PDB file of N, CA and C in Angstrom:
ATOM      1  N   MET A   1     117.382 117.847  93.597  1.00  0.00           N
ATOM      2  CA  MET A   1     116.733 116.592  93.961  1.00  0.00           C
ATOM      3  C   MET A   1     117.793 115.543  94.253  1.00  0.00           C
ATOM      4  N   LYS A   2     117.432 114.621  95.109  1.00  0.00           N
ATOM      5  CA  LYS A   2     118.328 113.537  95.485  1.00  0.00           C
ATOM      6  C   LYS A   2     117.832 112.244  94.841  1.00  0.00           C
ATOM      7  N   LYS A   3     118.753 111.324  94.620  1.00  0.00           N
ATOM      8  CA  LYS A   3     118.389 110.019  94.068  1.00  0.00           C
ATOM      9  C   LYS A   3     118.446 108.988  95.192  1.00  0.00           C
ATOM     10  N   PHE A   4     117.391 108.171  95.279  1.00  0.00           N
ATOM     11  CA  PHE A   4     117.309 107.133  96.294  1.00  0.00           C
ATOM     12  C   PHE A   4     117.171 105.775  95.610  1.00  0.00           C
ATOM     13  N   THR A   5     117.942 104.809  96.090  1.00  0.00           N
ATOM     14  CA  THR A   5     117.868 103.436  95.595  1.00  0.00           C
ATOM     15  C   THR A   5     117.115 102.607  96.628  1.00  0.00           C
ATOM     16  N   PHE A   6     116.132 101.848  96.156  1.00  0.00           N
ATOM     17  CA  PHE A   6     115.308 101.007  97.017  1.00  0.00           C
ATOM     18  C   PHE A   6     115.613  99.545  96.726  1.00  0.00           C
ATOM     19  N   ILE A   7     115.897  98.793  97.775  1.00  0.00           N
ATOM     20  CA  ILE A   7     116.125  97.354  97.659  1.00  0.00           C
ATOM     21  C   ILE A   7     115.084  96.686  98.547  1.00  0.00           C
ATOM     22  N   ALA A   8     114.101  96.062  97.925  1.00  0.00           N
ATOM     23  CA  ALA A   8     113.000  95.442  98.654  1.00  0.00           C
ATOM     24  C   ALA A   8     113.097  93.928  98.537  1.00  0.00           C
ATOM     25  N   GLU A   9     113.020  93.260  99.687  1.00  0.00           N
ATOM     26  CA  GLU A   9     112.985  91.792  99.745  1.00  0.00           C
ATOM     27  C   GLU A   9     111.565  91.406 100.134  1.00  0.00           C
ATOM     28  N   PHE A  10     110.900  90.619  99.272  1.00  0.00           N
ATOM     29  CA  PHE A  10     109.518  90.243  99.546  1.00  0.00           C
ATOM     30  C   PHE A  10     109.197  88.935  98.848  1.00  0.00           C
ATOM     31  N   LYS A  11     108.721  87.973  99.608  1.00  0.00           N
ATOM     32  CA  LYS A  11     108.295  86.672  99.077  1.00  0.00           C
ATOM     33  C   LYS A  11     109.332  86.064  98.130  1.00  0.00           C
ATOM     34  N   ASN A  12     110.523  85.867  98.607  1.00  0.00           N
ATOM     35  CA  ASN A  12     111.608  85.227  97.857  1.00  0.00           C
ATOM     36  C   ASN A  12     112.060  86.001  96.626  1.00  0.00           C
ATOM     37  N   GLY A  13     111.732  87.275  96.559  1.00  0.00           N
ATOM     38  CA  GLY A  13     112.186  88.107  95.448  1.00  0.00           C
ATOM     39  C   GLY A  13     112.905  89.337  95.963  1.00  0.00           C
ATOM     40  N   THR A  14     113.816  89.852  95.144  1.00  0.00           N
ATOM     41  CA  THR A  14     114.515  91.097  95.439  1.00  0.00           C
ATOM     42  C   THR A  14     114.171  92.080  94.333  1.00  0.00           C
ATOM     43  N   TYR A  15     113.684  93.252  94.718  1.00  0.00           N
ATOM     44  CA  TYR A  15     113.209  94.243  93.756  1.00  0.00           C
ATOM     45  C   TYR A  15     113.968  95.544  93.986  1.00  0.00           C
ATOM     46  N   ILE A  16     114.662  96.012  92.967  1.00  0.00           N
ATOM     47  CA  ILE A  16     115.516  97.195  93.088  1.00  0.00           C
ATOM     48  C   ILE A  16     114.999  98.271  92.141  1.00  0.00           C
ATOM     49  N   SER A  17     114.887  99.481  92.676  1.00  0.00           N
ATOM     50  CA  SER A  17     114.430 100.606  91.860  1.00  0.00           C
ATOM     51  C   SER A  17     115.055 101.890  92.375  1.00  0.00           C
ATOM     52  N   GLN A  18     114.988 102.938  91.560  1.00  0.00           N
ATOM     53  CA  GLN A  18     115.529 104.245  91.940  1.00  0.00           C
ATOM     54  C   GLN A  18     114.515 105.329  91.614  1.00  0.00           C
ATOM     55  N   TYR A  19     114.461 106.329  92.513  1.00  0.00           N
ATOM     56  CA  TYR A  19     113.578 107.478  92.307  1.00  0.00           C
ATOM     57  C   TYR A  19     114.271 108.734  92.799  1.00  0.00           C
ATOM     58  N   LYS A  20     113.925 109.852  92.193  1.00  0.00           N
ATOM     59  CA  LYS A  20     114.437 111.148  92.626  1.00  0.00           C
ATOM     60  C   LYS A  20     113.360 111.848  93.442  1.00  0.00           C
ATOM     61  N   ALA A  21     113.799 112.481  94.538  1.00  0.00           N
ATOM     62  CA  ALA A  21     112.881 113.207  95.411  1.00  0.00           C
ATOM     63  C   ALA A  21     113.671 114.229  96.207  1.00  0.00           C
ATOM     64  N   ASP A  22     112.948 115.146  96.826  1.00  0.00           N
ATOM     65  CA  ASP A  22     113.598 116.170  97.639  1.00  0.00           C
ATOM     66  C   ASP A  22     114.071 115.638  98.986  1.00  0.00           C
ATOM     67  N   ASN A  23     113.396 114.576  99.482  1.00  0.00           N
ATOM     68  CA  ASN A  23     113.777 114.029 100.783  1.00  0.00           C
ATOM     69  C   ASN A  23     113.380 112.560 100.868  1.00  0.00           C
ATOM     70  N   LEU A  24     113.799 111.926 101.935  1.00  0.00           N
ATOM     71  CA  LEU A  24     113.582 110.488 102.108  1.00  0.00           C
ATOM     72  C   LEU A  24     112.101 110.116 102.094  1.00  0.00           C
ATOM     73  N   MET A  25     111.283 110.811 102.885  1.00  0.00           N
ATOM     74  CA  MET A  25     109.877 110.422 102.987  1.00  0.00           C
ATOM     75  C   MET A  25     109.134 110.611 101.667  1.00  0.00           C
ATOM     76  N   GLU A  26     109.464 111.653 100.947  1.00  0.00           N
ATOM     77  CA  GLU A  26     108.866 111.839  99.622  1.00  0.00           C
ATOM     78  C   GLU A  26     109.266 110.683  98.708  1.00  0.00           C
ATOM     79  N   ALA A  27     110.513 110.264  98.785  1.00  0.00           N
ATOM     80  CA  ALA A  27     110.998 109.153  97.965  1.00  0.00           C
ATOM     81  C   ALA A  27     110.272 107.853  98.307  1.00  0.00           C
ATOM     82  N   VAL A  28     110.039 107.607  99.590  1.00  0.00           N
ATOM     83  CA  VAL A  28     109.336 106.388 100.004  1.00  0.00           C
ATOM     84  C   VAL A  28     107.914 106.379  99.448  1.00  0.00           C
ATOM     85  N   LEU A  29     107.249 107.510  99.490  1.00  0.00           N
ATOM     86  CA  LEU A  29     105.892 107.589  98.940  1.00  0.00           C
ATOM     87  C   LEU A  29     105.891 107.359  97.431  1.00  0.00           C
ATOM     88  N   ILE A  30     106.863 107.925  96.748  1.00  0.00           N
ATOM     89  CA  ILE A  30     106.981 107.717  95.298  1.00  0.00           C
ATOM     90  C   ILE A  30     107.231 106.240  95.004  1.00  0.00           C
ATOM     91  N   TRP A  31     108.121 105.612  95.782  1.00  0.00           N
ATOM     92  CA  TRP A  31     108.402 104.184  95.609  1.00  0.00           C
ATOM     93  C   TRP A  31     107.118 103.368  95.750  1.00  0.00           C
ATOM     94  N   ALA A  32     106.376 103.606  96.826  1.00  0.00           N
ATOM     95  CA  ALA A  32     105.156 102.831  97.085  1.00  0.00           C
ATOM     96  C   ALA A  32     104.112 103.042  95.989  1.00  0.00           C
ATOM     97  N   ASP A  33     104.021 104.248  95.485  1.00  0.00           N
ATOM     98  CA  ASP A  33     103.036 104.541  94.440  1.00  0.00           C
ATOM     99  C   ASP A  33     103.418 103.957  93.085  1.00  0.00           C
ATOM    100  N   ASN A  34     104.681 103.571  92.930  1.00  0.00           N
ATOM    101  CA  ASN A  34     105.158 103.062  91.639  1.00  0.00           C
ATOM    102  C   ASN A  34     105.526 101.583  91.661  1.00  0.00           C
ATOM    103  N   LEU A  35     105.072 100.852  92.665  1.00  0.00           N
ATOM    104  CA  LEU A  35     105.352  99.418  92.707  1.00  0.00           C
ATOM    105  C   LEU A  35     104.770  98.745  91.471  1.00  0.00           C
ATOM    106  N   ASP A  36     105.531  97.858  90.883  1.00  0.00           N
ATOM    107  CA  ASP A  36     105.137  97.181  89.648  1.00  0.00           C
ATOM    108  C   ASP A  36     104.115  96.089  89.960  1.00  0.00           C
ATOM    109  N   VAL A  37     102.910  96.214  89.409  1.00  0.00           N
ATOM    110  CA  VAL A  37     101.868  95.222  89.669  1.00  0.00           C
ATOM    111  C   VAL A  37     102.197  93.866  89.048  1.00  0.00           C
ATOM    112  N   GLN A  38     103.248  93.802  88.260  1.00  0.00           N
ATOM    113  CA  GLN A  38     103.718  92.507  87.754  1.00  0.00           C
ATOM    114  C   GLN A  38     104.263  91.676  88.917  1.00  0.00           C
ATOM    115  N   PHE A  39     104.809  92.347  89.930  1.00  0.00           N
ATOM    116  CA  PHE A  39     105.415  91.661  91.075  1.00  0.00           C
ATOM    117  C   PHE A  39     104.604  91.821  92.354  1.00  0.00           C
ATOM    118  N   PHE A  40     103.855  92.898  92.467  1.00  0.00           N
ATOM    119  CA  PHE A  40     103.049  93.193  93.648  1.00  0.00           C
ATOM    120  C   PHE A  40     101.597  93.339  93.197  1.00  0.00           C
ATOM    121  N   THR A  41     100.709  92.494  93.714  1.00  0.00           N
ATOM    122  CA  THR A  41      99.299  92.607  93.333  1.00  0.00           C
ATOM    123  C   THR A  41      98.759  93.962  93.797  1.00  0.00           C
ATOM    124  N   ASN A  42      97.641  94.367  93.228  1.00  0.00           N
ATOM    125  CA  ASN A  42      97.029  95.631  93.646  1.00  0.00           C
ATOM    126  C   ASN A  42      96.688  95.615  95.131  1.00  0.00           C
ATOM    127  N   LYS A  43      96.253  94.475  95.641  1.00  0.00           N
ATOM    128  CA  LYS A  43      95.921  94.340  97.065  1.00  0.00           C
ATOM    129  C   LYS A  43      97.165  94.561  97.923  1.00  0.00           C
ATOM    130  N   VAL A  44      98.276  93.948  97.537  1.00  0.00           N
ATOM    131  CA  VAL A  44      99.539  94.109  98.265  1.00  0.00           C
ATOM    132  C   VAL A  44     100.038  95.545  98.134  1.00  0.00           C
ATOM    133  N   LYS A  45      99.980  96.090  96.933  1.00  0.00           N
ATOM    134  CA  LYS A  45     100.433  97.466  96.703  1.00  0.00           C
ATOM    135  C   LYS A  45      99.659  98.449  97.582  1.00  0.00           C
ATOM    136  N   THR A  46      98.349  98.273  97.662  1.00  0.00           N
ATOM    137  CA  THR A  46      97.521  99.149  98.495  1.00  0.00           C
ATOM    138  C   THR A  46      97.914  99.044  99.959  1.00  0.00           C
ATOM    139  N   LYS A  47      98.175  97.845 100.441  1.00  0.00           N
ATOM    140  CA  LYS A  47      98.573  97.650 101.838  1.00  0.00           C
ATOM    141  C   LYS A  47      99.931  98.298 102.105  1.00  0.00           C
ATOM    142  N   ILE A  48     100.866  98.168 101.179  1.00  0.00           N
ATOM    143  CA  ILE A  48     102.177  98.815 101.336  1.00  0.00           C
ATOM    144  C   ILE A  48     102.009 100.328 101.375  1.00  0.00           C
ATOM    145  N   GLN A  49     101.180 100.866 100.507  1.00  0.00           N
ATOM    146  CA  GLN A  49     100.941 102.314 100.485  1.00  0.00           C
ATOM    147  C   GLN A  49     100.370 102.795 101.822  1.00  0.00           C
ATOM    148  N   GLU A  50      99.487 102.008 102.422  1.00  0.00           N
ATOM    149  CA  GLU A  50      98.941 102.362 103.738  1.00  0.00           C
ATOM    150  C   GLU A  50     100.041 102.377 104.795  1.00  0.00           C
ATOM    151  N   LYS A  51     100.884 101.360 104.784  1.00  0.00           N
ATOM    152  CA  LYS A  51     101.932 101.238 105.807  1.00  0.00           C
ATOM    153  C   LYS A  51     102.950 102.369 105.713  1.00  0.00           C
ATOM    154  N   VAL A  52     103.390 102.720 104.504  1.00  0.00           N
ATOM    155  CA  VAL A  52     104.433 103.749 104.390  1.00  0.00           C
ATOM    156  C   VAL A  52     103.905 105.128 104.784  1.00  0.00           C
ATOM    157  N   ARG A  53     102.608 105.310 104.758  1.00  0.00           N
ATOM    158  CA  ARG A  53     102.025 106.592 105.168  1.00  0.00           C
ATOM    159  C   ARG A  53     101.830 106.680 106.684  1.00  0.00           C
ATOM    160  N   ASP A  54     102.047 105.581 107.387  1.00  0.00           N
ATOM    161  CA  ASP A  54     101.938 105.533 108.847  1.00  0.00           C
ATOM    162  C   ASP A  54     103.314 105.817 109.443  1.00  0.00           C
ATOM    163  N   SER A  55     103.429 106.877 110.232  1.00  0.00           N
ATOM    164  CA  SER A  55     104.741 107.276 110.767  1.00  0.00           C
ATOM    165  C   SER A  55     105.372 106.199 111.648  1.00  0.00           C
ATOM    166  N   PHE A  56     104.579 105.263 112.156  1.00  0.00           N
ATOM    167  CA  PHE A  56     105.127 104.160 112.949  1.00  0.00           C
ATOM    168  C   PHE A  56     106.144 103.351 112.143  1.00  0.00           C
ATOM    169  N   TYR A  57     105.946 103.292 110.834  1.00  0.00           N
ATOM    170  CA  TYR A  57     106.804 102.490 109.964  1.00  0.00           C
ATOM    171  C   TYR A  57     107.865 103.312 109.237  1.00  0.00           C
ATOM    172  N   SER A  58     108.129 104.516 109.700  1.00  0.00           N
ATOM    173  CA  SER A  58     109.136 105.360 109.042  1.00  0.00           C
ATOM    174  C   SER A  58     110.488 104.661 109.018  1.00  0.00           C
ATOM    175  N   PRO A  59     111.232 104.809 107.931  1.00  0.00           N
ATOM    176  CA  PRO A  59     112.560 104.195 107.852  1.00  0.00           C
ATOM    177  C   PRO A  59     113.475 104.700 108.973  1.00  0.00           C
ATOM    178  N   VAL A  60     114.333 103.807 109.429  1.00  0.00           N
ATOM    179  CA  VAL A  60     115.284 104.099 110.499  1.00  0.00           C
ATOM    180  C   VAL A  60     116.679 104.138 109.896  1.00  0.00           C
ATOM    181  N   SER A  61     117.465 105.137 110.277  1.00  0.00           N
ATOM    182  CA  SER A  61     118.834 105.216 109.742  1.00  0.00           C
ATOM    183  C   SER A  61     119.686 104.094 110.331  1.00  0.00           C
ATOM    184  N   ILE A  62     120.606 103.606 109.532  1.00  0.00           N
ATOM    185  CA  ILE A  62     121.519 102.547 109.959  1.00  0.00           C
ATOM    186  C   ILE A  62     122.697 103.200 110.681  1.00  0.00           C
ATOM    187  N   GLU A  63     122.959 102.755 111.897  1.00  0.00           N
ATOM    188  CA  GLU A  63     124.036 103.336 112.695  1.00  0.00           C
ATOM    189  C   GLU A  63     125.386 103.192 112.001  1.00  0.00           C
ATOM    190  N   GLU A  64     126.159 104.255 112.066  1.00  0.00           N
ATOM    191  CA  GLU A  64     127.528 104.302 111.553  1.00  0.00           C
ATOM    192  C   GLU A  64     127.626 104.121 110.036  1.00  0.00           C
ATOM    193  N   VAL A  65     126.513 104.293 109.347  1.00  0.00           N
ATOM    194  CA  VAL A  65     126.507 104.221 107.886  1.00  0.00           C
ATOM    195  C   VAL A  65     125.754 105.451 107.383  1.00  0.00           C
ATOM    196  N   ASP A  66     126.398 106.240 106.553  1.00  0.00           N
ATOM    197  CA  ASP A  66     125.776 107.461 106.046  1.00  0.00           C
ATOM    198  C   ASP A  66     124.758 107.166 104.951  1.00  0.00           C
ATOM    199  N   ASN A  67     123.632 107.850 105.022  1.00  0.00           N
ATOM    200  CA  ASN A  67     122.634 107.848 103.944  1.00  0.00           C
ATOM    201  C   ASN A  67     122.044 106.480 103.628  1.00  0.00           C
ATOM    202  N   VAL A  68     121.851 105.656 104.665  1.00  0.00           N
ATOM    203  CA  VAL A  68     121.238 104.340 104.489  1.00  0.00           C
ATOM    204  C   VAL A  68     120.162 104.167 105.563  1.00  0.00           C
ATOM    205  N   TRP A  69     118.985 103.692 105.130  1.00  0.00           N
ATOM    206  CA  TRP A  69     117.863 103.492 106.033  1.00  0.00           C
ATOM    207  C   TRP A  69     117.262 102.109 105.799  1.00  0.00           C
ATOM    208  N   CYS A  70     116.502 101.661 106.783  1.00  0.00           N
ATOM    209  CA  CYS A  70     115.839 100.365 106.688  1.00  0.00           C
ATOM    210  C   CYS A  70     114.437 100.486 107.280  1.00  0.00           C
ATOM    211  N   SER A  71     113.531  99.731 106.721  1.00  0.00           N
ATOM    212  CA  SER A  71     112.183  99.646 107.260  1.00  0.00           C
ATOM    213  C   SER A  71     111.648  98.254 106.945  1.00  0.00           C
ATOM    214  N   SER A  72     110.716  97.798 107.761  1.00  0.00           N
ATOM    215  CA  SER A  72     110.109  96.494 107.485  1.00  0.00           C
ATOM    216  C   SER A  72     108.607  96.580 107.725  1.00  0.00           C
ATOM    217  N   TYR A  73     107.906  95.762 106.995  1.00  0.00           N
ATOM    218  CA  TYR A  73     106.445  95.750 107.042  1.00  0.00           C
ATOM    219  C   TYR A  73     105.978  94.300 106.953  1.00  0.00           C
ATOM    220  N   VAL A  74     104.918  93.975 107.672  1.00  0.00           N
ATOM    221  CA  VAL A  74     104.276  92.680 107.487  1.00  0.00           C
ATOM    222  C   VAL A  74     103.060  92.924 106.598  1.00  0.00           C
ATOM    223  N   ILE A  75     103.091  92.291 105.438  1.00  0.00           N
ATOM    224  CA  ILE A  75     102.033  92.456 104.444  1.00  0.00           C
ATOM    225  C   ILE A  75     101.342  91.107 104.263  1.00  0.00           C
ATOM    226  N   PHE A  76     100.137  90.988 104.809  1.00  0.00           N
ATOM    227  CA  PHE A  76      99.384  89.734 104.714  1.00  0.00           C
ATOM    228  C   PHE A  76     100.245  88.530 105.091  1.00  0.00           C
ATOM    229  N   ARG A  77     100.863  88.604 106.257  1.00  0.00           N
ATOM    230  CA  ARG A  77     101.684  87.530 106.844  1.00  0.00           C
ATOM    231  C   ARG A  77     103.015  87.298 106.141  1.00  0.00           C
ATOM    232  N   SER A  78     103.405  88.186 105.249  1.00  0.00           N
ATOM    233  CA  SER A  78     104.708  88.088 104.581  1.00  0.00           C
ATOM    234  C   SER A  78     105.534  89.320 104.931  1.00  0.00           C
ATOM    235  N   LEU A  79     106.815  89.105 105.216  1.00  0.00           N
ATOM    236  CA  LEU A  79     107.710  90.200 105.579  1.00  0.00           C
ATOM    237  C   LEU A  79     108.222  90.904 104.328  1.00  0.00           C
ATOM    238  N   LEU A  80     108.157  92.225 104.340  1.00  0.00           N
ATOM    239  CA  LEU A  80     108.787  93.044 103.311  1.00  0.00           C
ATOM    240  C   LEU A  80     109.890  93.825 104.014  1.00  0.00           C
ATOM    241  N   LEU A  81     111.126  93.583 103.627  1.00  0.00           N
ATOM    242  CA  LEU A  81     112.276  94.305 104.167  1.00  0.00           C
ATOM    243  C   LEU A  81     112.716  95.309 103.115  1.00  0.00           C
ATOM    244  N   LEU A  82     112.771  96.573 103.505  1.00  0.00           N
ATOM    245  CA  LEU A  82     113.108  97.642 102.573  1.00  0.00           C
ATOM    246  C   LEU A  82     114.369  98.353 103.038  1.00  0.00           C
ATOM    247  N   ASN A  83     115.390  98.344 102.197  1.00  0.00           N
ATOM    248  CA  ASN A  83     116.609  99.109 102.436  1.00  0.00           C
ATOM    249  C   ASN A  83     116.636 100.253 101.434  1.00  0.00           C
ATOM    250  N   ILE A  84     117.041 101.419 101.918  1.00  0.00           N
ATOM    251  CA  ILE A  84     117.050 102.622 101.087  1.00  0.00           C
ATOM    252  C   ILE A  84     118.422 103.266 101.193  1.00  0.00           C
ATOM    253  N   VAL A  85     118.987 103.623 100.047  1.00  0.00           N
ATOM    254  CA  VAL A  85     120.301 104.258 100.000  1.00  0.00           C
ATOM    255  C   VAL A  85     120.170 105.558  99.224  1.00  0.00           C
ATOM    256  N   GLU A  86     120.626 106.649  99.835  1.00  0.00           N
ATOM    257  CA  GLU A  86     120.699 107.896  99.082  1.00  0.00           C
ATOM    258  C   GLU A  86     121.919 107.784  98.188  1.00  0.00           C
ATOM    259  N   THR A  87     121.683 107.746  96.895  1.00  0.00           N
ATOM    260  CA  THR A  87     122.717 107.458  95.912  1.00  0.00           C
ATOM    261  C   THR A  87     123.317 108.759  95.394  1.00  0.00           C
ATOM    262  N   VAL A  88     124.633 108.794  95.316  1.00  0.00           N
ATOM    263  CA  VAL A  88     125.316 110.000  94.824  1.00  0.00           C
ATOM    264  C   VAL A  88     125.479 109.901  93.320  1.00  0.00           C
TER     265      VAL A  88
END
Protein backbone atom coordinates (compact mmCIF):
# COMPACT_ATOMS: atom_id res chain seq x y z
CA MET A 1 0.00 0.00 0.00
CA LYS A 2 1.05 3.56 -0.64
CA LYS A 3 0.67 6.53 1.69
CA PHE A 4 -0.94 9.71 0.36
CA THR A 5 -0.89 13.12 2.04
CA PHE A 6 -3.85 15.41 1.36
CA ILE A 7 -3.61 19.19 1.74
CA ALA A 8 -7.03 20.79 1.34
CA GLU A 9 -7.63 24.55 1.29
CA PHE A 10 -11.27 25.43 1.94
CA LYS A 11 -12.98 28.51 3.38
CA ASN A 12 -9.86 30.06 4.92
CA GLY A 13 -8.75 26.76 6.44
CA THR A 14 -6.01 24.28 5.61
CA TYR A 15 -6.75 20.63 6.37
CA ILE A 16 -4.00 18.01 6.19
CA SER A 17 -4.51 14.26 6.44
CA GLN A 18 -2.90 11.00 5.35
CA TYR A 19 -4.37 7.72 4.12
CA LYS A 20 -3.00 4.46 2.80
CA ALA A 21 -4.37 3.01 -0.43
CA ASP A 22 -3.34 0.91 -3.39
CA ASN A 23 -3.64 3.82 -5.83
CA LEU A 24 -4.42 7.52 -6.13
CA MET A 25 -8.13 7.24 -6.92
CA GLU A 26 -8.75 4.83 -4.07
CA ALA A 27 -6.96 7.26 -1.76
CA VAL A 28 -9.11 10.18 -2.94
CA LEU A 29 -12.28 8.22 -2.22
CA ILE A 30 -11.00 7.28 1.23
CA TRP A 31 -10.13 10.95 1.90
CA ALA A 32 -13.61 12.13 0.88
CA ASP A 33 -15.32 9.46 2.97
CA ASN A 34 -13.30 10.43 6.05
CA LEU A 35 -13.70 14.22 6.02
CA ASP A 36 -14.09 15.48 9.58
CA VAL A 37 -17.60 16.84 10.12
CA GLN A 38 -16.08 19.19 12.70
CA PHE A 39 -14.69 21.15 9.72
CA PHE A 40 -16.94 20.03 6.85
CA THR A 41 -20.71 19.92 7.34
CA ASN A 42 -22.52 16.78 6.23
CA LYS A 43 -23.98 18.76 3.30
CA VAL A 44 -20.50 19.86 2.19
CA LYS A 45 -19.05 16.39 2.76
CA THR A 46 -21.77 14.82 0.59
CA LYS A 47 -21.12 17.32 -2.22
CA ILE A 48 -17.36 16.63 -2.08
CA GLN A 49 -18.02 12.89 -2.22
CA GLU A 50 -20.16 13.41 -5.34
CA LYS A 51 -17.47 15.50 -7.05
CA VAL A 52 -14.56 13.12 -6.39
CA ARG A 53 -16.56 10.26 -7.90
CA ASP A 54 -16.99 12.24 -11.15
CA SER A 55 -14.06 11.54 -13.50
CA PHE A 56 -14.24 15.15 -14.74
CA TYR A 57 -12.68 16.19 -11.43
CA SER A 58 -9.91 13.58 -11.35
CA PRO A 59 -6.64 14.89 -9.91
CA VAL A 60 -4.10 16.12 -12.45
CA SER A 61 -0.39 15.40 -12.06
CA ILE A 62 1.86 18.41 -11.55
CA GLU A 63 4.33 18.80 -14.42
CA GLU A 64 7.98 18.11 -13.62
CA VAL A 65 7.14 17.04 -10.06
CA ASP A 66 6.99 13.35 -9.18
CA ASN A 67 4.05 11.92 -7.24
CA VAL A 68 2.12 15.19 -6.79
CA TRP A 69 -1.41 15.89 -8.01
CA CYS A 70 -3.90 18.72 -7.76
CA SER A 71 -7.65 19.00 -8.09
CA SER A 72 -10.17 21.73 -7.42
CA TYR A 73 -13.88 21.75 -6.76
CA VAL A 74 -16.49 24.45 -6.32
CA ILE A 75 -18.59 23.49 -3.32
CA PHE A 76 -21.62 25.74 -2.81
CA ARG A 77 -19.78 28.77 -4.27
CA SER A 78 -16.60 28.09 -2.27
CA LEU A 79 -13.37 26.82 -3.84
CA LEU A 80 -11.77 23.67 -2.45
CA LEU A 81 -8.19 23.25 -3.64
CA LEU A 82 -6.79 19.77 -3.04
CA ASN A 83 -3.11 18.89 -3.34
CA ILE A 84 -2.10 15.25 -3.01
CA VAL A 85 1.41 13.91 -2.44
CA GLU A 86 2.38 10.26 -2.56
CA THR A 87 4.47 10.13 0.59
CA VAL A 88 7.47 7.83 0.91
